PDB file of all heavy atoms in Angstrom:
ATOM      1  N   GLU A   1       3.432   3.864   6.892  1.00  0.00           N
ATOM      2  CA  GLU A   1       2.511   4.359   7.920  1.00  0.00           C
ATOM      3  C   GLU A   1       1.080   3.976   7.558  1.00  0.00           C
ATOM      4  O   GLU A   1       0.696   4.009   6.388  1.00  0.00           O
ATOM      5  CB  GLU A   1       2.604   5.885   8.046  1.00  0.00           C
ATOM      6  CG  GLU A   1       3.937   6.384   8.563  1.00  0.00           C
ATOM      7  CD  GLU A   1       3.956   7.891   8.715  1.00  0.00           C
ATOM      8  OE1 GLU A   1       2.904   8.531   8.423  1.00  0.00           O
ATOM      9  OE2 GLU A   1       4.997   8.437   9.116  1.00  0.00           O
ATOM     10  N   PHE A   2       0.311   3.605   8.570  1.00  0.00           N
ATOM     11  CA  PHE A   2      -1.104   3.285   8.376  1.00  0.00           C
ATOM     12  C   PHE A   2      -1.912   4.581   8.373  1.00  0.00           C
ATOM     13  O   PHE A   2      -1.742   5.427   9.246  1.00  0.00           O
ATOM     14  CB  PHE A   2      -1.588   2.368   9.501  1.00  0.00           C
ATOM     15  CG  PHE A   2      -3.057   2.046   9.435  1.00  0.00           C
ATOM     16  CD1 PHE A   2      -3.524   1.055   8.588  1.00  0.00           C
ATOM     17  CD2 PHE A   2      -3.969   2.743  10.215  1.00  0.00           C
ATOM     18  CE1 PHE A   2      -4.875   0.753   8.510  1.00  0.00           C
ATOM     19  CE2 PHE A   2      -5.325   2.453  10.144  1.00  0.00           C
ATOM     20  CZ  PHE A   2      -5.778   1.451   9.295  1.00  0.00           C
ATOM     21  N   GLN A   3      -2.789   4.736   7.373  1.00  0.00           N
ATOM     22  CA  GLN A   3      -3.621   5.932   7.301  1.00  0.00           C
ATOM     23  C   GLN A   3      -5.066   5.656   7.702  1.00  0.00           C
ATOM     24  O   GLN A   3      -5.589   6.281   8.602  1.00  0.00           O
ATOM     25  CB  GLN A   3      -3.571   6.522   5.883  1.00  0.00           C
ATOM     26  CG  GLN A   3      -2.180   6.904   5.415  1.00  0.00           C
ATOM     27  CD  GLN A   3      -1.514   7.939   6.292  1.00  0.00           C
ATOM     28  OE1 GLN A   3      -2.170   8.683   7.017  1.00  0.00           O
ATOM     29  NE2 GLN A   3      -0.191   8.000   6.246  1.00  0.00           N
ATOM     30  N   LYS A   4      -5.700   4.688   7.039  1.00  0.00           N
ATOM     31  CA  LYS A   4      -7.088   4.372   7.394  1.00  0.00           C
ATOM     32  C   LYS A   4      -7.558   3.098   6.698  1.00  0.00           C
ATOM     33  O   LYS A   4      -6.946   2.658   5.711  1.00  0.00           O
ATOM     34  CB  LYS A   4      -8.029   5.509   7.019  1.00  0.00           C
ATOM     35  CG  LYS A   4      -8.093   5.818   5.519  1.00  0.00           C
ATOM     36  CD  LYS A   4      -9.236   6.766   5.178  1.00  0.00           C
ATOM     37  CE  LYS A   4      -9.027   8.115   5.794  1.00  0.00           C
ATOM     38  NZ  LYS A   4     -10.097   9.071   5.402  1.00  0.00           N
ATOM     39  N   ARG A   5      -8.623   2.528   7.234  1.00  0.00           N
ATOM     40  CA  ARG A   5      -9.321   1.441   6.552  1.00  0.00           C
ATOM     41  C   ARG A   5     -10.349   2.083   5.638  1.00  0.00           C
ATOM     42  O   ARG A   5     -11.108   2.960   6.063  1.00  0.00           O
ATOM     43  CB  ARG A   5      -9.991   0.510   7.554  1.00  0.00           C
ATOM     44  CG  ARG A   5     -10.641  -0.705   6.906  1.00  0.00           C
ATOM     45  CD  ARG A   5     -11.059  -1.742   7.914  1.00  0.00           C
ATOM     46  NE  ARG A   5     -11.496  -2.978   7.242  1.00  0.00           N
ATOM     47  CZ  ARG A   5     -11.539  -4.156   7.813  1.00  0.00           C
ATOM     48  NH1 ARG A   5     -11.171  -4.278   9.095  1.00  0.00           N
ATOM     49  NH2 ARG A   5     -11.942  -5.219   7.144  1.00  0.00           N
ATOM     50  N   LEU A   6     -10.401   1.648   4.380  1.00  0.00           N
ATOM     51  CA  LEU A   6     -11.247   2.323   3.393  1.00  0.00           C
ATOM     52  C   LEU A   6     -12.642   1.738   3.287  1.00  0.00           C
ATOM     53  O   LEU A   6     -13.575   2.429   2.896  1.00  0.00           O
ATOM     54  CB  LEU A   6     -10.567   2.286   2.015  1.00  0.00           C
ATOM     55  CG  LEU A   6      -9.230   3.037   1.934  1.00  0.00           C
ATOM     56  CD1 LEU A   6      -8.588   2.820   0.569  1.00  0.00           C
ATOM     57  CD2 LEU A   6      -9.407   4.524   2.203  1.00  0.00           C
ATOM     58  N   THR A   7     -12.788   0.465   3.577  1.00  0.00           N
ATOM     59  CA  THR A   7     -14.107  -0.175   3.501  1.00  0.00           C
ATOM     60  C   THR A   7     -14.348  -0.966   4.782  1.00  0.00           C
ATOM     61  O   THR A   7     -13.447  -1.665   5.258  1.00  0.00           O
ATOM     62  CB  THR A   7     -14.202  -1.125   2.294  1.00  0.00           C
ATOM     63  OG1 THR A   7     -13.115  -2.063   2.352  1.00  0.00           O
ATOM     64  CG2 THR A   7     -14.135  -0.365   0.983  1.00  0.00           C
ATOM     65  N   PRO A   8     -15.544  -0.868   5.367  1.00  0.00           N
ATOM     66  CA  PRO A   8     -15.793  -1.510   6.670  1.00  0.00           C
ATOM     67  C   PRO A   8     -15.831  -3.033   6.614  1.00  0.00           C
ATOM     68  O   PRO A   8     -15.510  -3.690   7.601  1.00  0.00           O
ATOM     69  CB  PRO A   8     -17.155  -0.935   7.082  1.00  0.00           C
ATOM     70  CG  PRO A   8     -17.800  -0.514   5.806  1.00  0.00           C
ATOM     71  CD  PRO A   8     -16.692  -0.088   4.897  1.00  0.00           C
ATOM     72  N   ARG A   9     -16.216  -3.611   5.485  1.00  0.00           N
ATOM     73  CA  ARG A   9     -16.395  -5.058   5.418  1.00  0.00           C
ATOM     74  C   ARG A   9     -15.321  -5.784   4.626  1.00  0.00           C
ATOM     75  O   ARG A   9     -15.254  -7.007   4.650  1.00  0.00           O
ATOM     76  CB  ARG A   9     -17.769  -5.380   4.810  1.00  0.00           C
ATOM     77  CG  ARG A   9     -18.935  -4.889   5.658  1.00  0.00           C
ATOM     78  CD  ARG A   9     -20.257  -5.276   5.036  1.00  0.00           C
ATOM     79  NE  ARG A   9     -21.376  -4.784   5.832  1.00  0.00           N
ATOM     80  CZ  ARG A   9     -22.662  -4.967   5.523  1.00  0.00           C
ATOM     81  NH1 ARG A   9     -22.976  -5.650   4.419  1.00  0.00           N
ATOM     82  NH2 ARG A   9     -23.607  -4.481   6.294  1.00  0.00           N
ATOM     83  N   GLN A  10     -14.496  -5.047   3.883  1.00  0.00           N
ATOM     84  CA  GLN A  10     -13.443  -5.662   3.097  1.00  0.00           C
ATOM     85  C   GLN A  10     -12.087  -5.114   3.517  1.00  0.00           C
ATOM     86  O   GLN A  10     -11.997  -4.045   4.124  1.00  0.00           O
ATOM     87  CB  GLN A  10     -13.680  -5.423   1.602  1.00  0.00           C
ATOM     88  CG  GLN A  10     -14.945  -6.094   1.069  1.00  0.00           C
ATOM     89  CD  GLN A  10     -15.162  -5.781  -0.404  1.00  0.00           C
ATOM     90  OE1 GLN A  10     -15.371  -4.627  -0.779  1.00  0.00           O
ATOM     91  NE2 GLN A  10     -15.104  -6.811  -1.243  1.00  0.00           N
ATOM     92  N   SER A  11     -11.057  -5.868   3.176  1.00  0.00           N
ATOM     93  CA  SER A  11      -9.712  -5.543   3.666  1.00  0.00           C
ATOM     94  C   SER A  11      -8.976  -4.572   2.744  1.00  0.00           C
ATOM     95  O   SER A  11      -7.905  -4.879   2.211  1.00  0.00           O
ATOM     96  CB  SER A  11      -8.905  -6.831   3.841  1.00  0.00           C
ATOM     97  OG  SER A  11      -9.568  -7.718   4.710  1.00  0.00           O
ATOM     98  N   TYR A  12      -9.560  -3.380   2.551  1.00  0.00           N
ATOM     99  CA  TYR A  12      -8.917  -2.319   1.777  1.00  0.00           C
ATOM    100  C   TYR A  12      -8.378  -1.273   2.743  1.00  0.00           C
ATOM    101  O   TYR A  12      -9.110  -0.739   3.586  1.00  0.00           O
ATOM    102  CB  TYR A  12      -9.914  -1.658   0.825  1.00  0.00           C
ATOM    103  CG  TYR A  12     -10.309  -2.508  -0.349  1.00  0.00           C
ATOM    104  CD1 TYR A  12     -11.498  -3.243  -0.325  1.00  0.00           C
ATOM    105  CD2 TYR A  12      -9.516  -2.572  -1.492  1.00  0.00           C
ATOM    106  CE1 TYR A  12     -11.869  -4.022  -1.411  1.00  0.00           C
ATOM    107  CE2 TYR A  12      -9.882  -3.345  -2.573  1.00  0.00           C
ATOM    108  CZ  TYR A  12     -11.065  -4.072  -2.531  1.00  0.00           C
ATOM    109  OH  TYR A  12     -11.426  -4.839  -3.606  1.00  0.00           O
ATOM    110  N   TYR A  13      -7.084  -0.977   2.617  1.00  0.00           N
ATOM    111  CA  TYR A  13      -6.448  -0.033   3.528  1.00  0.00           C
ATOM    112  C   TYR A  13      -5.655   1.011   2.729  1.00  0.00           C
ATOM    113  O   TYR A  13      -5.198   0.740   1.617  1.00  0.00           O
ATOM    114  CB  TYR A  13      -5.487  -0.761   4.476  1.00  0.00           C
ATOM    115  CG  TYR A  13      -6.145  -1.839   5.293  1.00  0.00           C
ATOM    116  CD1 TYR A  13      -6.151  -3.163   4.845  1.00  0.00           C
ATOM    117  CD2 TYR A  13      -6.759  -1.545   6.509  1.00  0.00           C
ATOM    118  CE1 TYR A  13      -6.754  -4.167   5.588  1.00  0.00           C
ATOM    119  CE2 TYR A  13      -7.367  -2.546   7.266  1.00  0.00           C
ATOM    120  CZ  TYR A  13      -7.364  -3.851   6.797  1.00  0.00           C
ATOM    121  OH  TYR A  13      -7.976  -4.838   7.534  1.00  0.00           O
ATOM    122  N   LEU A  14      -5.497   2.163   3.354  1.00  0.00           N
ATOM    123  CA  LEU A  14      -4.640   3.205   2.787  1.00  0.00           C
ATOM    124  C   LEU A  14      -3.380   3.285   3.633  1.00  0.00           C
ATOM    125  O   LEU A  14      -3.449   3.523   4.846  1.00  0.00           O
ATOM    126  CB  LEU A  14      -5.352   4.562   2.778  1.00  0.00           C
ATOM    127  CG  LEU A  14      -4.544   5.727   2.196  1.00  0.00           C
ATOM    128  CD1 LEU A  14      -4.359   5.543   0.694  1.00  0.00           C
ATOM    129  CD2 LEU A  14      -5.209   7.060   2.491  1.00  0.00           C
ATOM    130  N   VAL A  15      -2.228   3.043   2.995  1.00  0.00           N
ATOM    131  CA  VAL A  15      -0.943   3.160   3.674  1.00  0.00           C
ATOM    132  C   VAL A  15      -0.073   4.134   2.889  1.00  0.00           C
ATOM    133  O   VAL A  15      -0.359   4.425   1.719  1.00  0.00           O
ATOM    134  CB  VAL A  15      -0.238   1.792   3.796  1.00  0.00           C
ATOM    135  CG1 VAL A  15      -1.066   0.820   4.620  1.00  0.00           C
ATOM    136  CG2 VAL A  15       0.076   1.202   2.426  1.00  0.00           C
ATOM    137  N   SER A  16       0.974   4.634   3.520  1.00  0.00           N
ATOM    138  CA  SER A  16       1.855   5.574   2.829  1.00  0.00           C
ATOM    139  C   SER A  16       3.300   5.300   3.209  1.00  0.00           C
ATOM    140  O   SER A  16       3.589   4.669   4.228  1.00  0.00           O
ATOM    141  CB  SER A  16       1.485   7.019   3.165  1.00  0.00           C
ATOM    142  OG  SER A  16       1.695   7.273   4.542  1.00  0.00           O
ATOM    143  N   LYS A  17       4.215   5.773   2.367  1.00  0.00           N
ATOM    144  CA  LYS A  17       5.645   5.646   2.623  1.00  0.00           C
ATOM    145  C   LYS A  17       6.231   7.007   2.960  1.00  0.00           C
ATOM    146  O   LYS A  17       5.686   8.056   2.591  1.00  0.00           O
ATOM    147  CB  LYS A  17       6.377   5.053   1.413  1.00  0.00           C
ATOM    148  CG  LYS A  17       6.456   5.993   0.209  1.00  0.00           C
ATOM    149  CD  LYS A  17       7.278   5.405  -0.925  1.00  0.00           C
ATOM    150  CE  LYS A  17       8.750   5.371  -0.642  1.00  0.00           C
ATOM    151  NZ  LYS A  17       9.355   6.733  -0.550  1.00  0.00           N
ATOM    152  N   THR A  18       7.341   6.991   3.663  1.00  0.00           N
ATOM    153  CA  THR A  18       8.084   8.220   3.913  1.00  0.00           C
ATOM    154  C   THR A  18       8.852   8.586   2.651  1.00  0.00           C
ATOM    155  O   THR A  18       9.595   7.744   2.117  1.00  0.00           O
ATOM    156  CB  THR A  18       9.061   8.033   5.089  1.00  0.00           C
ATOM    157  OG1 THR A  18       8.312   7.651   6.251  1.00  0.00           O
ATOM    158  CG2 THR A  18       9.832   9.318   5.367  1.00  0.00           C
ATOM    159  N   PRO A  19       8.687   9.792   2.107  1.00  0.00           N
ATOM    160  CA  PRO A  19       9.306  10.152   0.818  1.00  0.00           C
ATOM    161  C   PRO A  19      10.802   9.904   0.739  1.00  0.00           C
ATOM    162  O   PRO A  19      11.315   9.535  -0.311  1.00  0.00           O
ATOM    163  CB  PRO A  19       8.976  11.642   0.680  1.00  0.00           C
ATOM    164  CG  PRO A  19       7.712  11.814   1.456  1.00  0.00           C
ATOM    165  CD  PRO A  19       7.827  10.881   2.615  1.00  0.00           C
ATOM    166  N   SER A  20      11.512  10.083   1.835  1.00  0.00           N
ATOM    167  CA  SER A  20      12.970   9.960   1.801  1.00  0.00           C
ATOM    168  C   SER A  20      13.468   8.525   1.961  1.00  0.00           C
ATOM    169  O   SER A  20      14.672   8.275   1.910  1.00  0.00           O
ATOM    170  CB  SER A  20      13.590  10.820   2.911  1.00  0.00           C
ATOM    171  OG  SER A  20      13.137  10.396   4.187  1.00  0.00           O
ATOM    172  N   MET A  21      12.549   7.569   2.141  1.00  0.00           N
ATOM    173  CA  MET A  21      12.952   6.183   2.413  1.00  0.00           C
ATOM    174  C   MET A  21      12.550   5.271   1.256  1.00  0.00           C
ATOM    175  O   MET A  21      11.399   4.850   1.151  1.00  0.00           O
ATOM    176  CB  MET A  21      12.338   5.701   3.730  1.00  0.00           C
ATOM    177  CG  MET A  21      12.773   6.520   4.931  1.00  0.00           C
ATOM    178  SD  MET A  21      12.038   5.998   6.502  1.00  0.00           S
ATOM    179  CE  MET A  21      12.841   4.415   6.734  1.00  0.00           C
ATOM    180  N   GLY A  22      13.496   4.977   0.386  1.00  0.00           N
ATOM    181  CA  GLY A  22      13.237   4.075  -0.732  1.00  0.00           C
ATOM    182  C   GLY A  22      12.522   4.768  -1.878  1.00  0.00           C
ATOM    183  O   GLY A  22      11.978   5.870  -1.730  1.00  0.00           O
ATOM    184  N   SER A  23      12.506   4.102  -3.031  1.00  0.00           N
ATOM    185  CA  SER A  23      11.849   4.682  -4.212  1.00  0.00           C
ATOM    186  C   SER A  23      10.382   4.264  -4.264  1.00  0.00           C
ATOM    187  O   SER A  23      10.014   3.198  -3.760  1.00  0.00           O
ATOM    188  CB  SER A  23      12.553   4.214  -5.487  1.00  0.00           C
ATOM    189  OG  SER A  23      12.276   2.844  -5.743  1.00  0.00           O
ATOM    190  N   PRO A  24       9.535   5.096  -4.885  1.00  0.00           N
ATOM    191  CA  PRO A  24       8.123   4.724  -5.032  1.00  0.00           C
ATOM    192  C   PRO A  24       7.944   3.413  -5.790  1.00  0.00           C
ATOM    193  O   PRO A  24       7.070   2.602  -5.439  1.00  0.00           O
ATOM    194  CB  PRO A  24       7.528   5.908  -5.814  1.00  0.00           C
ATOM    195  CG  PRO A  24       8.452   7.037  -5.578  1.00  0.00           C
ATOM    196  CD  PRO A  24       9.812   6.428  -5.436  1.00  0.00           C
ATOM    197  N   GLU A  25       8.738   3.190  -6.842  1.00  0.00           N
ATOM    198  CA  GLU A  25       8.604   1.978  -7.643  1.00  0.00           C
ATOM    199  C   GLU A  25       8.903   0.734  -6.810  1.00  0.00           C
ATOM    200  O   GLU A  25       8.173  -0.255  -6.861  1.00  0.00           O
ATOM    201  CB  GLU A  25       9.538   2.033  -8.849  1.00  0.00           C
ATOM    202  CG  GLU A  25       9.186   3.090  -9.884  1.00  0.00           C
ATOM    203  CD  GLU A  25       9.606   4.494  -9.471  1.00  0.00           C
ATOM    204  OE1 GLU A  25      10.409   4.616  -8.505  1.00  0.00           O
ATOM    205  OE2 GLU A  25       9.145   5.460 -10.093  1.00  0.00           O
ATOM    206  N   ASP A  26       9.981   0.792  -6.005  1.00  0.00           N
ATOM    207  CA  ASP A  26      10.321  -0.348  -5.152  1.00  0.00           C
ATOM    208  C   ASP A  26       9.235  -0.594  -4.109  1.00  0.00           C
ATOM    209  O   ASP A  26       8.912  -1.748  -3.781  1.00  0.00           O
ATOM    210  CB  ASP A  26      11.665  -0.111  -4.443  1.00  0.00           C
ATOM    211  CG  ASP A  26      12.843  -0.215  -5.396  1.00  0.00           C
ATOM    212  OD1 ASP A  26      12.659  -0.758  -6.507  1.00  0.00           O
ATOM    213  OD2 ASP A  26      13.944   0.252  -5.038  1.00  0.00           O
ATOM    214  N   PHE A  27       8.662   0.489  -3.593  1.00  0.00           N
ATOM    215  CA  PHE A  27       7.623   0.372  -2.565  1.00  0.00           C
ATOM    216  C   PHE A  27       6.406  -0.384  -3.084  1.00  0.00           C
ATOM    217  O   PHE A  27       5.996  -1.397  -2.517  1.00  0.00           O
ATOM    218  CB  PHE A  27       7.236   1.773  -2.086  1.00  0.00           C
ATOM    219  CG  PHE A  27       6.208   1.786  -0.980  1.00  0.00           C
ATOM    220  CD1 PHE A  27       6.396   1.065   0.189  1.00  0.00           C
ATOM    221  CD2 PHE A  27       5.048   2.545  -1.116  1.00  0.00           C
ATOM    222  CE1 PHE A  27       5.454   1.084   1.208  1.00  0.00           C
ATOM    223  CE2 PHE A  27       4.105   2.577  -0.098  1.00  0.00           C
ATOM    224  CZ  PHE A  27       4.300   1.853   1.073  1.00  0.00           C
ATOM    225  N   ILE A  28       5.832   0.085  -4.195  1.00  0.00           N
ATOM    226  CA  ILE A  28       4.612  -0.556  -4.673  1.00  0.00           C
ATOM    227  C   ILE A  28       4.888  -1.933  -5.272  1.00  0.00           C
ATOM    228  O   ILE A  28       4.074  -2.854  -5.132  1.00  0.00           O
ATOM    229  CB  ILE A  28       3.868   0.350  -5.690  1.00  0.00           C
ATOM    230  CG1 ILE A  28       2.436  -0.153  -5.876  1.00  0.00           C
ATOM    231  CG2 ILE A  28       4.611   0.423  -7.021  1.00  0.00           C
ATOM    232  CD1 ILE A  28       1.510   0.822  -6.545  1.00  0.00           C
ATOM    233  N   ASN A  29       6.044  -2.132  -5.892  1.00  0.00           N
ATOM    234  CA  ASN A  29       6.369  -3.455  -6.441  1.00  0.00           C
ATOM    235  C   ASN A  29       6.592  -4.481  -5.335  1.00  0.00           C
ATOM    236  O   ASN A  29       6.209  -5.651  -5.478  1.00  0.00           O
ATOM    237  CB  ASN A  29       7.594  -3.369  -7.347  1.00  0.00           C
ATOM    238  CG  ASN A  29       7.305  -2.659  -8.649  1.00  0.00           C
ATOM    239  OD1 ASN A  29       6.155  -2.625  -9.105  1.00  0.00           O
ATOM    240  ND2 ASN A  29       8.319  -2.081  -9.262  1.00  0.00           N
ATOM    241  N   THR A  30       7.206  -4.060  -4.237  1.00  0.00           N
ATOM    242  CA  THR A  30       7.403  -4.959  -3.103  1.00  0.00           C
ATOM    243  C   THR A  30       6.065  -5.331  -2.479  1.00  0.00           C
ATOM    244  O   THR A  30       5.836  -6.488  -2.101  1.00  0.00           O
ATOM    245  CB  THR A  30       8.323  -4.312  -2.046  1.00  0.00           C
ATOM    246  OG1 THR A  30       9.543  -3.920  -2.659  1.00  0.00           O
ATOM    247  CG2 THR A  30       8.621  -5.280  -0.916  1.00  0.00           C
ATOM    248  N   ILE A  31       5.162  -4.360  -2.381  1.00  0.00           N
ATOM    249  CA  ILE A  31       3.822  -4.640  -1.848  1.00  0.00           C
ATOM    250  C   ILE A  31       3.083  -5.623  -2.749  1.00  0.00           C
ATOM    251  O   ILE A  31       2.490  -6.606  -2.280  1.00  0.00           O
ATOM    252  CB  ILE A  31       3.017  -3.321  -1.703  1.00  0.00           C
ATOM    253  CG1 ILE A  31       3.554  -2.494  -0.544  1.00  0.00           C
ATOM    254  CG2 ILE A  31       1.532  -3.614  -1.496  1.00  0.00           C
ATOM    255  CD1 ILE A  31       2.887  -1.139  -0.376  1.00  0.00           C
ATOM    256  N   LYS A  32       3.132  -5.395  -4.049  1.00  0.00           N
ATOM    257  CA  LYS A  32       2.405  -6.263  -4.983  1.00  0.00           C
ATOM    258  C   LYS A  32       2.935  -7.693  -4.986  1.00  0.00           C
ATOM    259  O   LYS A  32       2.185  -8.635  -5.253  1.00  0.00           O
ATOM    260  CB  LYS A  32       2.483  -5.682  -6.400  1.00  0.00           C
ATOM    261  CG  LYS A  32       1.593  -4.486  -6.633  1.00  0.00           C
ATOM    262  CD  LYS A  32       1.655  -4.070  -8.095  1.00  0.00           C
ATOM    263  CE  LYS A  32       0.645  -2.997  -8.399  1.00  0.00           C
ATOM    264  NZ  LYS A  32       0.596  -2.672  -9.836  1.00  0.00           N
ATOM    265  N   SER A  33       4.225  -7.864  -4.726  1.00  0.00           N
ATOM    266  CA  SER A  33       4.804  -9.206  -4.742  1.00  0.00           C
ATOM    267  C   SER A  33       4.570  -9.974  -3.450  1.00  0.00           C
ATOM    268  O   SER A  33       4.888 -11.165  -3.364  1.00  0.00           O
ATOM    269  CB  SER A  33       6.313  -9.114  -5.020  1.00  0.00           C
ATOM    270  OG  SER A  33       6.977  -8.420  -3.967  1.00  0.00           O
ATOM    271  N   ASP A  34       4.011  -9.309  -2.440  1.00  0.00           N
ATOM    272  CA  ASP A  34       3.748  -9.971  -1.159  1.00  0.00           C
ATOM    273  C   ASP A  34       2.591 -10.957  -1.318  1.00  0.00           C
ATOM    274  O   ASP A  34       1.534 -10.599  -1.853  1.00  0.00           O
ATOM    275  CB  ASP A  34       3.404  -8.913  -0.109  1.00  0.00           C
ATOM    276  CG  ASP A  34       3.353  -9.493   1.290  1.00  0.00           C
ATOM    277  OD1 ASP A  34       2.451 -10.319   1.556  1.00  0.00           O
ATOM    278  OD2 ASP A  34       4.207  -9.133   2.114  1.00  0.00           O
ATOM    279  N   PRO A  35       2.732 -12.215  -0.851  1.00  0.00           N
ATOM    280  CA  PRO A  35       1.660 -13.213  -1.003  1.00  0.00           C
ATOM    281  C   PRO A  35       0.388 -12.890  -0.235  1.00  0.00           C
ATOM    282  O   PRO A  35      -0.678 -13.448  -0.541  1.00  0.00           O
ATOM    283  CB  PRO A  35       2.312 -14.503  -0.474  1.00  0.00           C
ATOM    284  CG  PRO A  35       3.454 -14.051   0.383  1.00  0.00           C
ATOM    285  CD  PRO A  35       3.938 -12.780  -0.236  1.00  0.00           C
ATOM    286  N   ASN A  36       0.460 -11.983   0.742  1.00  0.00           N
ATOM    287  CA  ASN A  36      -0.729 -11.592   1.497  1.00  0.00           C
ATOM    288  C   ASN A  36      -1.519 -10.464   0.835  1.00  0.00           C
ATOM    289  O   ASN A  36      -2.543 -10.038   1.354  1.00  0.00           O
ATOM    290  CB  ASN A  36      -0.335 -11.162   2.911  1.00  0.00           C
ATOM    291  CG  ASN A  36       0.122 -12.329   3.759  1.00  0.00           C
ATOM    292  OD1 ASN A  36      -0.505 -13.392   3.762  1.00  0.00           O
ATOM    293  ND2 ASN A  36       1.235 -12.147   4.465  1.00  0.00           N
ATOM    294  N   VAL A  37      -1.016  -9.988  -0.301  1.00  0.00           N
ATOM    295  CA  VAL A  37      -1.654  -8.868  -1.001  1.00  0.00           C
ATOM    296  C   VAL A  37      -2.394  -9.378  -2.232  1.00  0.00           C
ATOM    297  O   VAL A  37      -1.818 -10.075  -3.070  1.00  0.00           O
ATOM    298  CB  VAL A  37      -0.605  -7.811  -1.414  1.00  0.00           C
ATOM    299  CG1 VAL A  37      -1.238  -6.728  -2.273  1.00  0.00           C
ATOM    300  CG2 VAL A  37       0.041  -7.207  -0.172  1.00  0.00           C
ATOM    301  N   ILE A  38      -3.677  -9.028  -2.331  1.00  0.00           N
ATOM    302  CA  ILE A  38      -4.466  -9.370  -3.516  1.00  0.00           C
ATOM    303  C   ILE A  38      -4.188  -8.380  -4.638  1.00  0.00           C
ATOM    304  O   ILE A  38      -3.995  -8.749  -5.794  1.00  0.00           O
ATOM    305  CB  ILE A  38      -5.970  -9.397  -3.175  1.00  0.00           C
ATOM    306  CG1 ILE A  38      -6.251 -10.502  -2.147  1.00  0.00           C
ATOM    307  CG2 ILE A  38      -6.818  -9.607  -4.433  1.00  0.00           C
ATOM    308  CD1 ILE A  38      -7.679 -10.512  -1.644  1.00  0.00           C
ATOM    309  N   ASP A  39      -4.156  -7.107  -4.295  1.00  0.00           N
ATOM    310  CA  ASP A  39      -3.898  -6.064  -5.291  1.00  0.00           C
ATOM    311  C   ASP A  39      -3.509  -4.785  -4.579  1.00  0.00           C
ATOM    312  O   ASP A  39      -3.753  -4.614  -3.378  1.00  0.00           O
ATOM    313  CB  ASP A  39      -5.138  -5.832  -6.156  1.00  0.00           C
ATOM    314  CG  ASP A  39      -4.799  -5.199  -7.500  1.00  0.00           C
ATOM    315  OD1 ASP A  39      -3.602  -4.903  -7.726  1.00  0.00           O
ATOM    316  OD2 ASP A  39      -5.709  -4.996  -8.311  1.00  0.00           O
ATOM    317  N   ALA A  40      -2.877  -3.866  -5.327  1.00  0.00           N
ATOM    318  CA  ALA A  40      -2.473  -2.576  -4.774  1.00  0.00           C
ATOM    319  C   ALA A  40      -2.400  -1.566  -5.899  1.00  0.00           C
ATOM    320  O   ALA A  40      -2.104  -1.909  -7.043  1.00  0.00           O
ATOM    321  CB  ALA A  40      -1.124  -2.684  -4.063  1.00  0.00           C
ATOM    322  N   GLN A  41      -2.675  -0.303  -5.575  1.00  0.00           N
ATOM    323  CA  GLN A  41      -2.564   0.761  -6.565  1.00  0.00           C
ATOM    324  C   GLN A  41      -2.277   2.079  -5.862  1.00  0.00           C
ATOM    325  O   GLN A  41      -2.602   2.255  -4.679  1.00  0.00           O
ATOM    326  CB  GLN A  41      -3.842   0.889  -7.399  1.00  0.00           C
ATOM    327  CG  GLN A  41      -5.029   1.492  -6.652  1.00  0.00           C
ATOM    328  CD  GLN A  41      -6.216   1.755  -7.560  1.00  0.00           C
ATOM    329  OE1 GLN A  41      -6.514   0.975  -8.444  1.00  0.00           O
ATOM    330  NE2 GLN A  41      -6.904   2.851  -7.314  1.00  0.00           N
ATOM    331  N   TRP A  42      -1.647   2.986  -6.587  1.00  0.00           N
ATOM    332  CA  TRP A  42      -1.415   4.321  -6.043  1.00  0.00           C
ATOM    333  C   TRP A  42      -2.749   5.020  -5.815  1.00  0.00           C
ATOM    334  O   TRP A  42      -3.686   4.870  -6.598  1.00  0.00           O
ATOM    335  CB  TRP A  42      -0.568   5.157  -6.987  1.00  0.00           C
ATOM    336  CG  TRP A  42       0.852   4.718  -7.122  1.00  0.00           C
ATOM    337  CD1 TRP A  42       1.464   4.240  -8.239  1.00  0.00           C
ATOM    338  CD2 TRP A  42       1.850   4.731  -6.098  1.00  0.00           C
ATOM    339  NE1 TRP A  42       2.772   3.948  -7.983  1.00  0.00           N
ATOM    340  CE2 TRP A  42       3.044   4.236  -6.682  1.00  0.00           C
ATOM    341  CE3 TRP A  42       1.859   5.099  -4.750  1.00  0.00           C
ATOM    342  CZ2 TRP A  42       4.225   4.109  -5.961  1.00  0.00           C
ATOM    343  CZ3 TRP A  42       3.035   4.978  -4.031  1.00  0.00           C
ATOM    344  CH2 TRP A  42       4.200   4.493  -4.628  1.00  0.00           C
ATOM    345  N   ASP A  43      -2.810   5.805  -4.757  1.00  0.00           N
ATOM    346  CA  ASP A  43      -4.012   6.586  -4.468  1.00  0.00           C
ATOM    347  C   ASP A  43      -3.695   8.062  -4.629  1.00  0.00           C
ATOM    348  O   ASP A  43      -3.041   8.659  -3.778  1.00  0.00           O
ATOM    349  CB  ASP A  43      -4.499   6.334  -3.045  1.00  0.00           C
ATOM    350  CG  ASP A  43      -5.659   7.242  -2.680  1.00  0.00           C
ATOM    351  OD1 ASP A  43      -6.667   7.232  -3.391  1.00  0.00           O
ATOM    352  OD2 ASP A  43      -5.537   7.986  -1.672  1.00  0.00           O
ATOM    353  N   ARG A  44      -4.133   8.646  -5.747  1.00  0.00           N
ATOM    354  CA  ARG A  44      -3.910  10.071  -6.006  1.00  0.00           C
ATOM    355  C   ARG A  44      -2.535  10.483  -5.517  1.00  0.00           C
ATOM    356  O   ARG A  44      -2.393  11.293  -4.612  1.00  0.00           O
ATOM    357  CB  ARG A  44      -4.971  10.902  -5.292  1.00  0.00           C
ATOM    358  CG  ARG A  44      -6.381  10.631  -5.744  1.00  0.00           C
ATOM    359  CD  ARG A  44      -7.392  11.318  -4.846  1.00  0.00           C
ATOM    360  NE  ARG A  44      -7.131  12.737  -4.799  1.00  0.00           N
ATOM    361  CZ  ARG A  44      -7.433  13.492  -3.748  1.00  0.00           C
ATOM    362  NH1 ARG A  44      -7.950  12.987  -2.668  1.00  0.00           N
ATOM    363  NH2 ARG A  44      -7.196  14.784  -3.789  1.00  0.00           N
TER     364      ARG A  44
END
């Protein structure tokens, strides 16, 4: 799910996963391996 854009001039976004769908480790590792992603990290 899309939550918000974090910076007006750069492509930083806050997204979230549904807790019951997939593991957290698979979620962030899949995001990091995407060629369109520069970087990703958990947000609190």
